């Protein structure tokens, strides 16, 4: 909801990741998808200490888990840590996610084809826009 501009309490969202003592649940360290979600949430920080702690916890456990993951998932996790979802270009993240989907043993080809088609359309749109900017730049004699 924060992405859409609504204020949501970080403590309310993080409740499901915490144990009875208020600490992050160590059982999460085995749930890579949960840790990746926690990592994504932590980048929507607006100064809350709980989100700083969430980032610390998820980063630590994801970095530790990388060496024990199957290679394609390890690459996906490493890229997610290096280029967080909320601070990366969507096109980069889409390519990153598509390459991971293509490496999975069980694949949903319909979803994969749809995602690839959308990625290609957006890529072509960006190329056309850059050509327009270049043409405009050249017509003004700025180059």
Protein backbone atom coordinates (compact mmCIF):
# COMPACT_ATOMS: atom_id res chain seq x y z
CA UNK A 1 0.00 0.00 0.00
CA UNK A 2 2.96 2.32 0.57
CA UNK A 3 3.80 2.02 -3.10
CA UNK A 4 0.39 3.52 -3.85
CA UNK A 5 0.99 6.39 -1.41
CA UNK A 6 -0.93 5.12 1.62
CA UNK A 7 0.64 5.07 5.05
CA UNK A 8 0.77 1.60 6.58
CA UNK A 9 2.33 0.88 9.95
CA UNK A 10 5.48 -1.21 9.53
CA UNK A 11 4.89 -2.86 12.89
CA UNK A 12 1.47 -4.13 11.77
CA UNK A 13 2.91 -5.65 8.60
CA UNK A 14 5.94 -7.16 10.34
CA UNK A 15 3.85 -8.87 13.05
CA UNK A 16 3.60 -12.06 10.99
CA UNK A 17 7.40 -12.26 10.80
CA UNK A 18 7.92 -11.94 14.58
CA UNK A 19 7.78 -14.43 17.43
CA UNK A 20 6.15 -13.87 20.84
CA UNK A 21 9.20 -11.95 22.11
CA UNK A 22 8.95 -9.42 19.26
CA UNK A 23 12.12 -10.71 17.59
CA UNK A 24 12.17 -11.94 14.01
CA UNK A 25 11.27 -15.61 13.88
CA UNK A 26 14.39 -17.72 13.25
CA UNK A 27 12.19 -20.23 11.41
CA UNK A 28 12.05 -17.64 8.63
CA UNK A 29 15.72 -18.20 7.91
CA UNK A 30 14.76 -21.41 6.08
CA UNK A 31 11.99 -19.72 4.06
CA UNK A 32 13.80 -18.01 1.19
CA UNK A 33 10.61 -16.57 -0.34
CA UNK A 34 9.63 -15.15 3.05
CA UNK A 35 13.08 -13.62 3.51
CA UNK A 36 12.92 -12.09 0.03
CA UNK A 37 9.51 -10.60 0.87
CA UNK A 38 10.88 -9.23 4.13
CA UNK A 39 13.84 -7.77 2.21
CA UNK A 40 11.47 -6.08 -0.27
CA UNK A 41 9.33 -4.67 2.53
CA UNK A 42 12.39 -3.27 4.30
CA UNK A 43 13.20 -1.03 1.32
CA UNK A 44 9.93 0.86 1.79
CA UNK A 45 11.40 2.32 4.97
CA UNK A 46 10.27 5.75 6.09
CA UNK A 47 12.56 5.94 9.13
CA UNK A 48 11.13 3.05 11.17
CA UNK A 49 13.70 1.15 13.19
CA UNK A 50 11.72 -2.07 12.72
CA UNK A 51 12.30 -1.91 8.95
CA UNK A 52 16.03 -1.32 9.48
CA UNK A 53 16.06 -4.43 11.65
CA UNK A 54 14.06 -6.32 9.01
CA UNK A 55 16.65 -5.40 6.40
CA UNK A 56 19.49 -6.47 8.68
CA UNK A 57 17.82 -9.80 9.52
CA UNK A 58 16.80 -10.69 5.96
CA UNK A 59 20.12 -9.63 4.38
CA UNK A 60 22.13 -11.60 6.93
CA UNK A 61 20.14 -14.81 6.48
CA UNK A 62 19.87 -14.53 2.68
CA UNK A 63 23.62 -14.00 2.33
CA UNK A 64 24.24 -17.01 4.56
CA UNK A 65 21.74 -19.17 2.62
CA UNK A 66 23.18 -18.39 -0.84
CA UNK A 67 25.92 -21.00 -0.56
CA UNK A 68 23.36 -23.73 0.23
CA UNK A 69 20.79 -22.92 -2.47
CA UNK A 70 20.53 -24.50 -5.87
CA UNK A 71 22.54 -22.38 -8.36
CA UNK A 72 19.67 -20.61 -10.15
CA UNK A 73 17.95 -19.64 -6.91
CA UNK A 74 21.29 -18.49 -5.47
CA UNK A 75 21.78 -16.19 -8.47
CA UNK A 76 18.24 -14.86 -8.06
CA UNK A 77 18.80 -14.14 -4.35
CA UNK A 78 22.19 -12.52 -4.98
CA UNK A 79 20.70 -10.24 -7.65
CA UNK A 80 17.81 -9.38 -5.35
CA UNK A 81 20.25 -8.35 -2.64
CA UNK A 82 22.44 -6.36 -5.05
CA UNK A 83 19.51 -4.68 -6.82
CA UNK A 84 16.50 -4.39 -4.49
CA UNK A 85 13.08 -4.50 -6.13
CA UNK A 86 11.91 -1.05 -5.05
CA UNK A 87 15.06 0.80 -6.04
CA UNK A 88 15.73 -0.89 -9.39
CA UNK A 89 14.49 -0.31 -12.89
CA UNK A 90 11.44 -2.43 -13.62
CA UNK A 91 12.89 -3.58 -16.93
CA UNK A 92 15.98 -4.95 -15.19
CA UNK A 93 13.88 -6.72 -12.56
CA UNK A 94 11.59 -8.18 -15.23
CA UNK A 95 14.54 -9.62 -17.15
CA UNK A 96 16.01 -10.94 -13.90
CA UNK A 97 12.74 -12.61 -12.91
CA UNK A 98 12.13 -14.05 -16.40
CA UNK A 99 15.56 -15.67 -16.48
CA UNK A 100 14.84 -17.25 -13.10
CA UNK A 101 11.44 -18.54 -14.27
CA UNK A 102 13.04 -20.09 -17.34
CA UNK A 103 15.50 -21.99 -15.15
CA UNK A 104 12.81 -23.68 -13.05
CA UNK A 105 12.05 -27.37 -13.65
CA UNK A 106 8.27 -26.82 -13.55
CA UNK A 107 7.24 -23.88 -15.66
CA UNK A 108 3.95 -22.21 -16.43
CA UNK A 109 4.51 -21.53 -20.12
CA UNK A 110 1.38 -19.37 -20.55
CA UNK A 111 2.47 -16.94 -17.81
CA UNK A 112 6.06 -17.04 -19.01
CA UNK A 113 5.06 -16.27 -22.61
CA UNK A 114 2.79 -13.45 -21.50
CA UNK A 115 5.53 -11.93 -19.33
CA UNK A 116 8.07 -12.23 -22.14
CA UNK A 117 5.66 -10.61 -24.64
CA UNK A 118 5.01 -7.71 -22.26
CA UNK A 119 8.75 -7.32 -21.65
CA UNK A 120 9.41 -7.22 -25.40
CA UNK A 121 6.63 -4.69 -26.05
CA UNK A 122 7.96 -2.37 -23.34
CA UNK A 123 11.50 -2.73 -24.65
CA UNK A 124 10.37 -1.75 -28.16
CA UNK A 125 8.40 1.18 -26.75
CA UNK A 126 11.48 2.46 -24.91
CA UNK A 127 13.58 2.10 -28.07
CA UNK A 128 11.02 4.14 -30.08
CA UNK A 129 10.96 6.83 -27.39
CA UNK A 130 14.76 7.05 -27.41
CA UNK A 131 14.73 7.40 -31.21
CA UNK A 132 12.24 10.29 -30.86
CA UNK A 133 14.43 12.02 -28.27
CA UNK A 134 17.48 11.58 -30.50
CA UNK A 135 15.62 12.94 -33.53
CA UNK A 136 14.40 15.93 -31.51
CA UNK A 137 17.93 16.52 -30.21
CA UNK A 138 19.40 16.39 -33.73
CA UNK A 139 16.67 18.67 -35.18
CA UNK A 140 17.48 21.32 -32.57
CA UNK A 141 21.13 21.14 -33.59
CA UNK A 142 22.30 20.28 -30.11
CA UNK A 143 24.43 17.38 -31.25
